[in-house]
Amino acid sequence: MSTTVLVSLSDQQFADLIESSLRKVLESKPATVADTSDTLLDTKEAAVLTKYKETSIYGLVKRKKIPFCKMEGKLLFSRKELLEWIANGQQKTVGSHER
């Protein structure tokens, strides 16, 4: 035997319920490695993507073993280049470029 519960909601309450439900679903969707959209990542995001610690990322940058660029003193990483670097399994040297 199933129980059916009916609730009366205003239009705004219903819209809020749908919006919050969709937000939960979209936030719980895991990021796919196949996503090659080229966005810029900061050091913390690069560490999450590569599964390295942030300190290890800094070490790789210092030794120019990971693709990166430096803009106005901030380290940035191309998501696409990092995924290619991981896929190739090689120590790709890009160097830093001041802009």
PDB file of N, CA and C in Angstrom:
ATOM      1  N   MET A   1       0.846  -1.162   0.000  1.00  0.00           N
ATOM      2  CA  MET A   1       0.000   0.000   0.000  1.00  0.00           C
ATOM      3  C   MET A   1       0.900   1.237   0.000  1.00  0.00           C
ATOM      4  N   SER A   2       0.665   2.181  -0.891  1.00  0.00           N
ATOM      5  CA  SER A   2       1.463   3.403  -0.950  1.00  0.00           C
ATOM      6  C   SER A   2       0.660   4.567  -0.399  1.00  0.00           C
ATOM      7  N   THR A   3       1.380   5.543   0.088  1.00  0.00           N
ATOM      8  CA  THR A   3       0.757   6.729   0.644  1.00  0.00           C
ATOM      9  C   THR A   3       1.007   7.893  -0.287  1.00  0.00           C
ATOM     10  N   THR A   4      -0.017   8.628  -0.613  1.00  0.00           N
ATOM     11  CA  THR A   4       0.105   9.802  -1.457  1.00  0.00           C
ATOM     12  C   THR A   4      -0.150  11.032  -0.609  1.00  0.00           C
ATOM     13  N   VAL A   5       0.806  11.968  -0.670  1.00  0.00           N
ATOM     14  CA  VAL A   5       0.676  13.205   0.080  1.00  0.00           C
ATOM     15  C   VAL A   5       0.579  14.338  -0.920  1.00  0.00           C
ATOM     16  N   LEU A   6      -0.446  15.120  -0.817  1.00  0.00           N
ATOM     17  CA  LEU A   6      -0.614  16.281  -1.682  1.00  0.00           C
ATOM     18  C   LEU A   6      -0.368  17.538  -0.865  1.00  0.00           C
ATOM     19  N   VAL A   7       0.418  18.441  -1.460  1.00  0.00           N
ATOM     20  CA  VAL A   7       0.758  19.679  -0.776  1.00  0.00           C
ATOM     21  C   VAL A   7       0.371  20.828  -1.679  1.00  0.00           C
ATOM     22  N   SER A   8      -0.165  21.845  -1.094  1.00  0.00           N
ATOM     23  CA  SER A   8      -0.521  23.028  -1.861  1.00  0.00           C
ATOM     24  C   SER A   8       0.651  24.004  -1.819  1.00  0.00           C
ATOM     25  N   LEU A   9       1.152  24.380  -3.018  1.00  0.00           N
ATOM     26  CA  LEU A   9       2.269  25.316  -3.125  1.00  0.00           C
ATOM     27  C   LEU A   9       1.881  26.485  -4.002  1.00  0.00           C
ATOM     28  N   SER A  10       2.402  27.637  -3.668  1.00  0.00           N
ATOM     29  CA  SER A  10       2.197  28.792  -4.546  1.00  0.00           C
ATOM     30  C   SER A  10       3.094  28.611  -5.768  1.00  0.00           C
ATOM     31  N   ASP A  11       2.865  29.410  -6.795  1.00  0.00           N
ATOM     32  CA  ASP A  11       3.701  29.340  -7.996  1.00  0.00           C
ATOM     33  C   ASP A  11       5.168  29.577  -7.645  1.00  0.00           C
ATOM     34  N   GLN A  12       5.436  30.548  -6.784  1.00  0.00           N
ATOM     35  CA  GLN A  12       6.819  30.858  -6.400  1.00  0.00           C
ATOM     36  C   GLN A  12       7.445  29.717  -5.609  1.00  0.00           C
ATOM     37  N   GLN A  13       6.689  29.126  -4.700  1.00  0.00           N
ATOM     38  CA  GLN A  13       7.201  28.001  -3.920  1.00  0.00           C
ATOM     39  C   GLN A  13       7.523  26.814  -4.829  1.00  0.00           C
ATOM     40  N   PHE A  14       6.655  26.570  -5.806  1.00  0.00           N
ATOM     41  CA  PHE A  14       6.873  25.480  -6.754  1.00  0.00           C
ATOM     42  C   PHE A  14       8.129  25.748  -7.590  1.00  0.00           C
ATOM     43  N   ALA A  15       8.280  26.979  -8.068  1.00  0.00           N
ATOM     44  CA  ALA A  15       9.460  27.350  -8.859  1.00  0.00           C
ATOM     45  C   ALA A  15      10.732  27.198  -8.022  1.00  0.00           C
ATOM     46  N   ASP A  16      10.683  27.622  -6.758  1.00  0.00           N
ATOM     47  CA  ASP A  16      11.838  27.489  -5.868  1.00  0.00           C
ATOM     48  C   ASP A  16      12.188  26.021  -5.626  1.00  0.00           C
ATOM     49  N   LEU A  17      11.167  25.186  -5.463  1.00  0.00           N
ATOM     50  CA  LEU A  17      11.384  23.760  -5.254  1.00  0.00           C
ATOM     51  C   LEU A  17      12.058  23.129  -6.469  1.00  0.00           C
ATOM     52  N   ILE A  18      11.570  23.442  -7.658  1.00  0.00           N
ATOM     53  CA  ILE A  18      12.156  22.912  -8.894  1.00  0.00           C
ATOM     54  C   ILE A  18      13.597  23.401  -9.040  1.00  0.00           C
ATOM     55  N   GLU A  19      13.813  24.690  -8.802  1.00  0.00           N
ATOM     56  CA  GLU A  19      15.154  25.266  -8.946  1.00  0.00           C
ATOM     57  C   GLU A  19      16.149  24.608  -7.986  1.00  0.00           C
ATOM     58  N   SER A  20      15.757  24.446  -6.729  1.00  0.00           N
ATOM     59  CA  SER A  20      16.675  23.839  -5.759  1.00  0.00           C
ATOM     60  C   SER A  20      16.931  22.367  -6.086  1.00  0.00           C
ATOM     61  N   SER A  21      15.921  21.674  -6.578  1.00  0.00           N
ATOM     62  CA  SER A  21      16.098  20.270  -6.963  1.00  0.00           C
ATOM     63  C   SER A  21      17.053  20.141  -8.142  1.00  0.00           C
ATOM     64  N   LEU A  22      16.886  20.999  -9.139  1.00  0.00           N
ATOM     65  CA  LEU A  22      17.786  20.970 -10.294  1.00  0.00           C
ATOM     66  C   LEU A  22      19.210  21.329  -9.894  1.00  0.00           C
ATOM     67  N   ARG A  23      19.358  22.309  -9.025  1.00  0.00           N
ATOM     68  CA  ARG A  23      20.691  22.712  -8.566  1.00  0.00           C
ATOM     69  C   ARG A  23      21.392  21.539  -7.882  1.00  0.00           C
ATOM     70  N   LYS A  24      20.666  20.796  -7.038  1.00  0.00           N
ATOM     71  CA  LYS A  24      21.246  19.637  -6.355  1.00  0.00           C
ATOM     72  C   LYS A  24      21.704  18.584  -7.354  1.00  0.00           C
ATOM     73  N   VAL A  25      20.893  18.329  -8.365  1.00  0.00           N
ATOM     74  CA  VAL A  25      21.249  17.332  -9.376  1.00  0.00           C
ATOM     75  C   VAL A  25      22.479  17.771 -10.158  1.00  0.00           C
ATOM     76  N   LEU A  26      22.498  19.027 -10.589  1.00  0.00           N
ATOM     77  CA  LEU A  26      23.622  19.520 -11.381  1.00  0.00           C
ATOM     78  C   LEU A  26      24.910  19.579 -10.572  1.00  0.00           C
ATOM     79  N   GLU A  27      24.832  19.927  -9.305  1.00  0.00           N
ATOM     80  CA  GLU A  27      26.024  19.992  -8.465  1.00  0.00           C
ATOM     81  C   GLU A  27      26.557  18.610  -8.127  1.00  0.00           C
ATOM     82  N   SER A  28      25.695  17.613  -8.099  1.00  0.00           N
ATOM     83  CA  SER A  28      26.138  16.262  -7.760  1.00  0.00           C
ATOM     84  C   SER A  28      26.676  15.512  -8.973  1.00  0.00           C
ATOM     85  N   LYS A  29      26.476  16.069 -10.168  1.00  0.00           N
ATOM     86  CA  LYS A  29      26.969  15.420 -11.386  1.00  0.00           C
ATOM     87  C   LYS A  29      28.490  15.481 -11.399  1.00  0.00           C
ATOM     88  N   PRO A  30      29.170  14.333 -11.484  1.00  0.00           N
ATOM     89  CA  PRO A  30      30.636  14.351 -11.475  1.00  0.00           C
ATOM     90  C   PRO A  30      31.195  14.950 -12.762  1.00  0.00           C
ATOM     91  N   ALA A  31      32.308  15.650 -12.616  1.00  0.00           N
ATOM     92  CA  ALA A  31      32.981  16.215 -13.789  1.00  0.00           C
ATOM     93  C   ALA A  31      33.594  15.070 -14.578  1.00  0.00           C
ATOM     94  N   THR A  32      33.474  15.129 -15.883  1.00  0.00           N
ATOM     95  CA  THR A  32      34.031  14.081 -16.720  1.00  0.00           C
ATOM     96  C   THR A  32      35.402  14.483 -17.219  1.00  0.00           C
ATOM     97  N   VAL A  33      36.295  13.518 -17.283  1.00  0.00           N
ATOM     98  CA  VAL A  33      37.646  13.769 -17.771  1.00  0.00           C
ATOM     99  C   VAL A  33      37.621  14.086 -19.251  1.00  0.00           C
ATOM    100  N   ALA A  34      36.617  13.598 -19.968  1.00  0.00           N
ATOM    101  CA  ALA A  34      36.536  13.827 -21.406  1.00  0.00           C
ATOM    102  C   ALA A  34      36.202  15.277 -21.751  1.00  0.00           C
ATOM    103  N   ASP A  35      35.794  16.044 -20.763  1.00  0.00           N
ATOM    104  CA  ASP A  35      35.472  17.443 -21.010  1.00  0.00           C
ATOM    105  C   ASP A  35      36.748  18.199 -21.335  1.00  0.00           C
ATOM    106  N   THR A  36      36.852  18.681 -22.564  1.00  0.00           N
ATOM    107  CA  THR A  36      38.078  19.347 -22.996  1.00  0.00           C
ATOM    108  C   THR A  36      37.889  20.841 -23.140  1.00  0.00           C
ATOM    109  N   SER A  37      36.866  21.381 -22.498  1.00  0.00           N
ATOM    110  CA  SER A  37      36.672  22.825 -22.583  1.00  0.00           C
ATOM    111  C   SER A  37      37.906  23.511 -22.016  1.00  0.00           C
ATOM    112  N   ASP A  38      38.375  24.526 -22.719  1.00  0.00           N
ATOM    113  CA  ASP A  38      39.623  25.172 -22.336  1.00  0.00           C
ATOM    114  C   ASP A  38      39.348  26.366 -21.442  1.00  0.00           C
ATOM    115  N   THR A  39      39.332  26.100 -20.156  1.00  0.00           N
ATOM    116  CA  THR A  39      39.167  27.167 -19.183  1.00  0.00           C
ATOM    117  C   THR A  39      40.464  27.298 -18.398  1.00  0.00           C
ATOM    118  N   LEU A  40      40.670  28.452 -17.814  1.00  0.00           N
ATOM    119  CA  LEU A  40      41.861  28.666 -17.003  1.00  0.00           C
ATOM    120  C   LEU A  40      41.578  28.275 -15.558  1.00  0.00           C
ATOM    121  N   LEU A  41      42.520  27.573 -14.961  1.00  0.00           N
ATOM    122  CA  LEU A  41      42.396  27.112 -13.588  1.00  0.00           C
ATOM    123  C   LEU A  41      43.455  27.785 -12.734  1.00  0.00           C
ATOM    124  N   ASP A  42      43.124  28.014 -11.463  1.00  0.00           N
ATOM    125  CA  ASP A  42      44.146  28.501 -10.542  1.00  0.00           C
ATOM    126  C   ASP A  42      44.890  27.289  -9.977  1.00  0.00           C
ATOM    127  N   THR A  43      45.821  27.525  -9.086  1.00  0.00           N
ATOM    128  CA  THR A  43      46.658  26.444  -8.563  1.00  0.00           C
ATOM    129  C   THR A  43      45.833  25.397  -7.819  1.00  0.00           C
ATOM    130  N   LYS A  44      44.877  25.847  -7.032  1.00  0.00           N
ATOM    131  CA  LYS A  44      44.046  24.909  -6.272  1.00  0.00           C
ATOM    132  C   LYS A  44      43.231  24.019  -7.213  1.00  0.00           C
ATOM    133  N   GLU A  45      42.636  24.615  -8.247  1.00  0.00           N
ATOM    134  CA  GLU A  45      41.844  23.842  -9.204  1.00  0.00           C
ATOM    135  C   GLU A  45      42.726  22.883 -10.000  1.00  0.00           C
ATOM    136  N   ALA A  46      43.939  23.321 -10.342  1.00  0.00           N
ATOM    137  CA  ALA A  46      44.878  22.448 -11.055  1.00  0.00           C
ATOM    138  C   ALA A  46      45.262  21.258 -10.182  1.00  0.00           C
ATOM    139  N   ALA A  47      45.427  21.503  -8.884  1.00  0.00           N
ATOM    140  CA  ALA A  47      45.753  20.423  -7.956  1.00  0.00           C
ATOM    141  C   ALA A  47      44.618  19.406  -7.884  1.00  0.00           C
ATOM    142  N   VAL A  48      43.393  19.887  -7.859  1.00  0.00           N
ATOM    143  CA  VAL A  48      42.237  18.984  -7.818  1.00  0.00           C
ATOM    144  C   VAL A  48      42.169  18.163  -9.104  1.00  0.00           C
ATOM    145  N   LEU A  49      42.347  18.818 -10.240  1.00  0.00           N
ATOM    146  CA  LEU A  49      42.264  18.125 -11.532  1.00  0.00           C
ATOM    147  C   LEU A  49      43.343  17.055 -11.666  1.00  0.00           C
ATOM    148  N   THR A  50      44.569  17.378 -11.273  1.00  0.00           N
ATOM    149  CA  THR A  50      45.688  16.449 -11.441  1.00  0.00           C
ATOM    150  C   THR A  50      45.842  15.476 -10.281  1.00  0.00           C
ATOM    151  N   LYS A  51      45.133  15.746  -9.193  1.00  0.00           N
ATOM    152  CA  LYS A  51      45.216  14.950  -7.966  1.00  0.00           C
ATOM    153  C   LYS A  51      46.601  15.048  -7.318  1.00  0.00           C
ATOM    154  N   TYR A  52      47.273  16.175  -7.540  1.00  0.00           N
ATOM    155  CA  TYR A  52      48.521  16.504  -6.865  1.00  0.00           C
ATOM    156  C   TYR A  52      48.199  17.462  -5.721  1.00  0.00           C
ATOM    157  N   LYS A  53      49.089  17.536  -4.747  1.00  0.00           N
ATOM    158  CA  LYS A  53      48.960  18.555  -3.709  1.00  0.00           C
ATOM    159  C   LYS A  53      49.373  19.891  -4.310  1.00  0.00           C
ATOM    160  N   GLU A  54      48.864  20.980  -3.753  1.00  0.00           N
ATOM    161  CA  GLU A  54      49.225  22.314  -4.251  1.00  0.00           C
ATOM    162  C   GLU A  54      50.729  22.541  -4.195  1.00  0.00           C
ATOM    163  N   THR A  55      51.367  22.061  -3.135  1.00  0.00           N
ATOM    164  CA  THR A  55      52.818  22.240  -3.031  1.00  0.00           C
ATOM    165  C   THR A  55      53.545  21.493  -4.143  1.00  0.00           C
ATOM    166  N   SER A  56      53.014  20.349  -4.542  1.00  0.00           N
ATOM    167  CA  SER A  56      53.612  19.603  -5.654  1.00  0.00           C
ATOM    168  C   SER A  56      53.443  20.355  -6.966  1.00  0.00           C
ATOM    169  N   ILE A  57      52.295  21.012  -7.135  1.00  0.00           N
ATOM    170  CA  ILE A  57      52.063  21.816  -8.341  1.00  0.00           C
ATOM    171  C   ILE A  57      53.106  22.926  -8.418  1.00  0.00           C
ATOM    172  N   TYR A  58      53.349  23.601  -7.294  1.00  0.00           N
ATOM    173  CA  TYR A  58      54.362  24.665  -7.278  1.00  0.00           C
ATOM    174  C   TYR A  58      55.742  24.112  -7.644  1.00  0.00           C
ATOM    175  N   GLY A  59      56.061  22.922  -7.148  1.00  0.00           N
ATOM    176  CA  GLY A  59      57.344  22.297  -7.469  1.00  0.00           C
ATOM    177  C   GLY A  59      57.465  21.977  -8.948  1.00  0.00           C
ATOM    178  N   LEU A  60      56.386  21.461  -9.545  1.00  0.00           N
ATOM    179  CA  LEU A  60      56.385  21.154 -10.979  1.00  0.00           C
ATOM    180  C   LEU A  60      56.537  22.422 -11.808  1.00  0.00           C
ATOM    181  N   VAL A  61      55.902  23.494 -11.354  1.00  0.00           N
ATOM    182  CA  VAL A  61      56.023  24.782 -12.050  1.00  0.00           C
ATOM    183  C   VAL A  61      57.464  25.276 -11.971  1.00  0.00           C
ATOM    184  N   LYS A  62      58.041  25.208 -10.789  1.00  0.00           N
ATOM    185  CA  LYS A  62      59.414  25.685 -10.596  1.00  0.00           C
ATOM    186  C   LYS A  62      60.386  24.944 -11.510  1.00  0.00           C
ATOM    187  N   ARG A  63      60.156  23.632 -11.685  1.00  0.00           N
ATOM    188  CA  ARG A  63      61.018  22.823 -12.544  1.00  0.00           C
ATOM    189  C   ARG A  63      60.550  22.808 -13.998  1.00  0.00           C
ATOM    190  N   LYS A  64      59.487  23.572 -14.280  1.00  0.00           N
ATOM    191  CA  LYS A  64      58.903  23.667 -15.628  1.00  0.00           C
ATOM    192  C   LYS A  64      58.553  22.285 -16.192  1.00  0.00           C
ATOM    193  N   LYS A  65      57.897  21.490 -15.357  1.00  0.00           N
ATOM    194  CA  LYS A  65      57.495  20.140 -15.729  1.00  0.00           C
ATOM    195  C   LYS A  65      56.005  20.031 -16.026  1.00  0.00           C
ATOM    196  N   ILE A  66      55.285  21.123 -15.874  1.00  0.00           N
ATOM    197  CA  ILE A  66      53.835  21.123 -16.064  1.00  0.00           C
ATOM    198  C   ILE A  66      53.477  22.360 -16.885  1.00  0.00           C
ATOM    199  N   PRO A  67      52.509  22.247 -17.802  1.00  0.00           N
ATOM    200  CA  PRO A  67      52.137  23.425 -18.596  1.00  0.00           C
ATOM    201  C   PRO A  67      51.444  24.489 -17.737  1.00  0.00           C
ATOM    202  N   PHE A  68      51.930  25.710 -17.830  1.00  0.00           N
ATOM    203  CA  PHE A  68      51.362  26.809 -17.050  1.00  0.00           C
ATOM    204  C   PHE A  68      51.674  28.129 -17.730  1.00  0.00           C
ATOM    205  N   CYS A  69      51.017  29.163 -17.258  1.00  0.00           N
ATOM    206  CA  CYS A  69      51.385  30.519 -17.661  1.00  0.00           C
ATOM    207  C   CYS A  69      51.251  31.399 -16.427  1.00  0.00           C
ATOM    208  N   LYS A  70      51.900  32.523 -16.477  1.00  0.00           N
ATOM    209  CA  LYS A  70      51.874  33.442 -15.345  1.00  0.00           C
ATOM    210  C   LYS A  70      51.395  34.781 -15.869  1.00  0.00           C
ATOM    211  N   MET A  71      50.256  35.238 -15.345  1.00  0.00           N
ATOM    212  CA  MET A  71      49.684  36.511 -15.764  1.00  0.00           C
ATOM    213  C   MET A  71      49.581  37.417 -14.550  1.00  0.00           C
ATOM    214  N   GLU A  72      50.249  38.551 -14.633  1.00  0.00           N
ATOM    215  CA  GLU A  72      50.226  39.540 -13.555  1.00  0.00           C
ATOM    216  C   GLU A  72      50.558  38.911 -12.205  1.00  0.00           C
ATOM    217  N   GLY A  73      51.542  38.008 -12.212  1.00  0.00           N
ATOM    218  CA  GLY A  73      51.994  37.380 -10.980  1.00  0.00           C
ATOM    219  C   GLY A  73      51.165  36.203 -10.511  1.00  0.00           C
ATOM    220  N   LYS A  74      50.113  35.848 -11.242  1.00  0.00           N
ATOM    221  CA  LYS A  74      49.253  34.744 -10.830  1.00  0.00           C
ATOM    222  C   LYS A  74      49.478  33.545 -11.745  1.00  0.00           C
ATOM    223  N   LEU A  75      49.660  32.375 -11.138  1.00  0.00           N
ATOM    224  CA  LEU A  75      49.813  31.151 -11.913  1.00  0.00           C
ATOM    225  C   LEU A  75      48.461  30.703 -12.442  1.00  0.00           C
ATOM    226  N   LEU A  76      48.412  30.395 -13.718  1.00  0.00           N
ATOM    227  CA  LEU A  76      47.199  29.886 -14.344  1.00  0.00           C
ATOM    228  C   LEU A  76      47.538  28.649 -15.161  1.00  0.00           C
ATOM    229  N   PHE A  77      46.559  27.768 -15.282  1.00  0.00           N
ATOM    230  CA  PHE A  77      46.742  26.513 -15.987  1.00  0.00           C
ATOM    231  C   PHE A  77      45.576  26.307 -16.946  1.00  0.00           C
ATOM    232  N   SER A  78      45.882  25.919 -18.170  1.00  0.00           N
ATOM    233  CA  SER A  78      44.846  25.595 -19.141  1.00  0.00           C
ATOM    234  C   SER A  78      44.332  24.193 -18.828  1.00  0.00           C
ATOM    235  N   ARG A  79      43.043  24.067 -18.623  1.00  0.00           N
ATOM    236  CA  ARG A  79      42.444  22.758 -18.337  1.00  0.00           C
ATOM    237  C   ARG A  79      42.754  21.778 -19.455  1.00  0.00           C
ATOM    238  N   LYS A  80      42.618  22.241 -20.684  1.00  0.00           N
ATOM    239  CA  LYS A  80      42.863  21.387 -21.849  1.00  0.00           C
ATOM    240  C   LYS A  80      44.315  20.903 -21.874  1.00  0.00           C
ATOM    241  N   GLU A  81      45.255  21.825 -21.647  1.00  0.00           N
ATOM    242  CA  GLU A  81      46.670  21.445 -21.658  1.00  0.00           C
ATOM    243  C   GLU A  81      47.011  20.489 -20.519  1.00  0.00           C
ATOM    244  N   LEU A  82      46.410  20.690 -19.355  1.00  0.00           N
ATOM    245  CA  LEU A  82      46.659  19.774 -18.240  1.00  0.00           C
ATOM    246  C   LEU A  82      46.133  18.376 -18.548  1.00  0.00           C
ATOM    247  N   LEU A  83      44.946  18.302 -19.147  1.00  0.00           N
ATOM    248  CA  LEU A  83      44.395  16.995 -19.504  1.00  0.00           C
ATOM    249  C   LEU A  83      45.265  16.305 -20.549  1.00  0.00           C
ATOM    250  N   GLU A  84      45.776  17.072 -21.516  1.00  0.00           N
ATOM    251  CA  GLU A  84      46.686  16.500 -22.514  1.00  0.00           C
ATOM    252  C   GLU A  84      47.984  16.040 -21.853  1.00  0.00           C
ATOM    253  N   TRP A  85      48.497  16.838 -20.933  1.00  0.00           N
ATOM    254  CA  TRP A  85      49.725  16.516 -20.211  1.00  0.00           C
ATOM    255  C   TRP A  85      49.550  15.209 -19.435  1.00  0.00           C
ATOM    256  N   ILE A  86      48.408  15.055 -18.797  1.00  0.00           N
ATOM    257  CA  ILE A  86      48.116  13.829 -18.054  1.00  0.00           C
ATOM    258  C   ILE A  86      47.996  12.652 -19.015  1.00  0.00           C
ATOM    259  N   ALA A  87      47.261  12.840 -20.113  1.00  0.00           N
ATOM    260  CA  ALA A  87      47.043  11.767 -21.077  1.00  0.00           C
ATOM    261  C   ALA A  87      48.352  11.311 -21.720  1.00  0.00           C
ATOM    262  N   ASN A  88      49.228  12.242 -22.001  1.00  0.00           N
ATOM    263  CA  ASN A  88      50.502  11.899 -22.629  1.00  0.00           C
ATOM    264  C   ASN A  88      51.470  11.250 -21.651  1.00  0.00           C
ATOM    265  N   GLY A  89      51.276  11.512 -20.375  1.00  0.00           N
ATOM    266  CA  GLY A  89      52.148  10.925 -19.379  1.00  0.00           C
ATOM    267  C   GLY A  89      53.591  11.378 -19.507  1.00  0.00           C
ATOM    268  N   GLN A  90      53.781  12.514 -20.106  1.00  0.00           N
ATOM    269  CA  GLN A  90      55.140  13.017 -20.289  1.00  0.00           C
ATOM    270  C   GLN A  90      55.327  14.297 -19.509  1.00  0.00           C
ATOM    271  N   GLN A  91      56.550  14.671 -19.337  1.00  0.00           N
ATOM    272  CA  GLN A  91      56.884  15.891 -18.616  1.00  0.00           C
ATOM    273  C   GLN A  91      56.988  17.028 -19.620  1.00  0.00           C
ATOM    274  N   LYS A  92      55.863  17.558 -20.024  1.00  0.00           N
ATOM    275  CA  LYS A  92      55.824  18.629 -21.016  1.00  0.00           C
ATOM    276  C   LYS A  92      56.268  19.943 -20.384  1.00  0.00           C
ATOM    277  N   THR A  93      57.214  20.600 -21.024  1.00  0.00           N
ATOM    278  CA  THR A  93      57.698  21.879 -20.535  1.00  0.00           C
ATOM    279  C   THR A  93      57.126  22.983 -21.391  1.00  0.00           C
ATOM    280  N   VAL A  94      56.424  23.895 -20.758  1.00  0.00           N
ATOM    281  CA  VAL A  94      55.872  25.030 -21.476  1.00  0.00           C
ATOM    282  C   VAL A  94      56.620  26.292 -21.084  1.00  0.00           C
ATOM    283  N   GLY A  95      56.999  26.381 -19.827  1.00  0.00           N
ATOM    284  CA  GLY A  95      57.664  27.588 -19.350  1.00  0.00           C
ATOM    285  C   GLY A  95      56.650  28.624 -18.947  1.00  0.00           C
ATOM    286  N   SER A  96      57.146  29.666 -18.351  1.00  0.00           N
ATOM    287  CA  SER A  96      56.222  30.724 -17.940  1.00  0.00           C
ATOM    288  C   SER A  96      56.282  31.862 -18.924  1.00  0.00           C
ATOM    289  N   HIS A  97      55.157  32.487 -19.100  1.00  0.00           N
ATOM    290  CA  HIS A  97      55.035  33.610 -20.018  1.00  0.00           C
ATOM    291  C   HIS A  97      54.406  34.762 -19.263  1.00  0.00           C
ATOM    292  N   GLU A  98      55.148  35.816 -19.075  1.00  0.00           N
ATOM    293  CA  GLU A  98      54.606  37.012 -18.424  1.00  0.00           C
ATOM    294  C   GLU A  98      53.758  37.768 -19.421  1.00  0.00           C
ATOM    295  N   ARG A  99      52.580  38.166 -19.025  1.00  0.00           N
ATOM    296  CA  ARG A  99      51.695  38.939 -19.906  1.00  0.00           C
ATOM    297  C   ARG A  99      51.348  40.230 -19.261  1.00  0.00           C
TER     298      ARG A  99
END
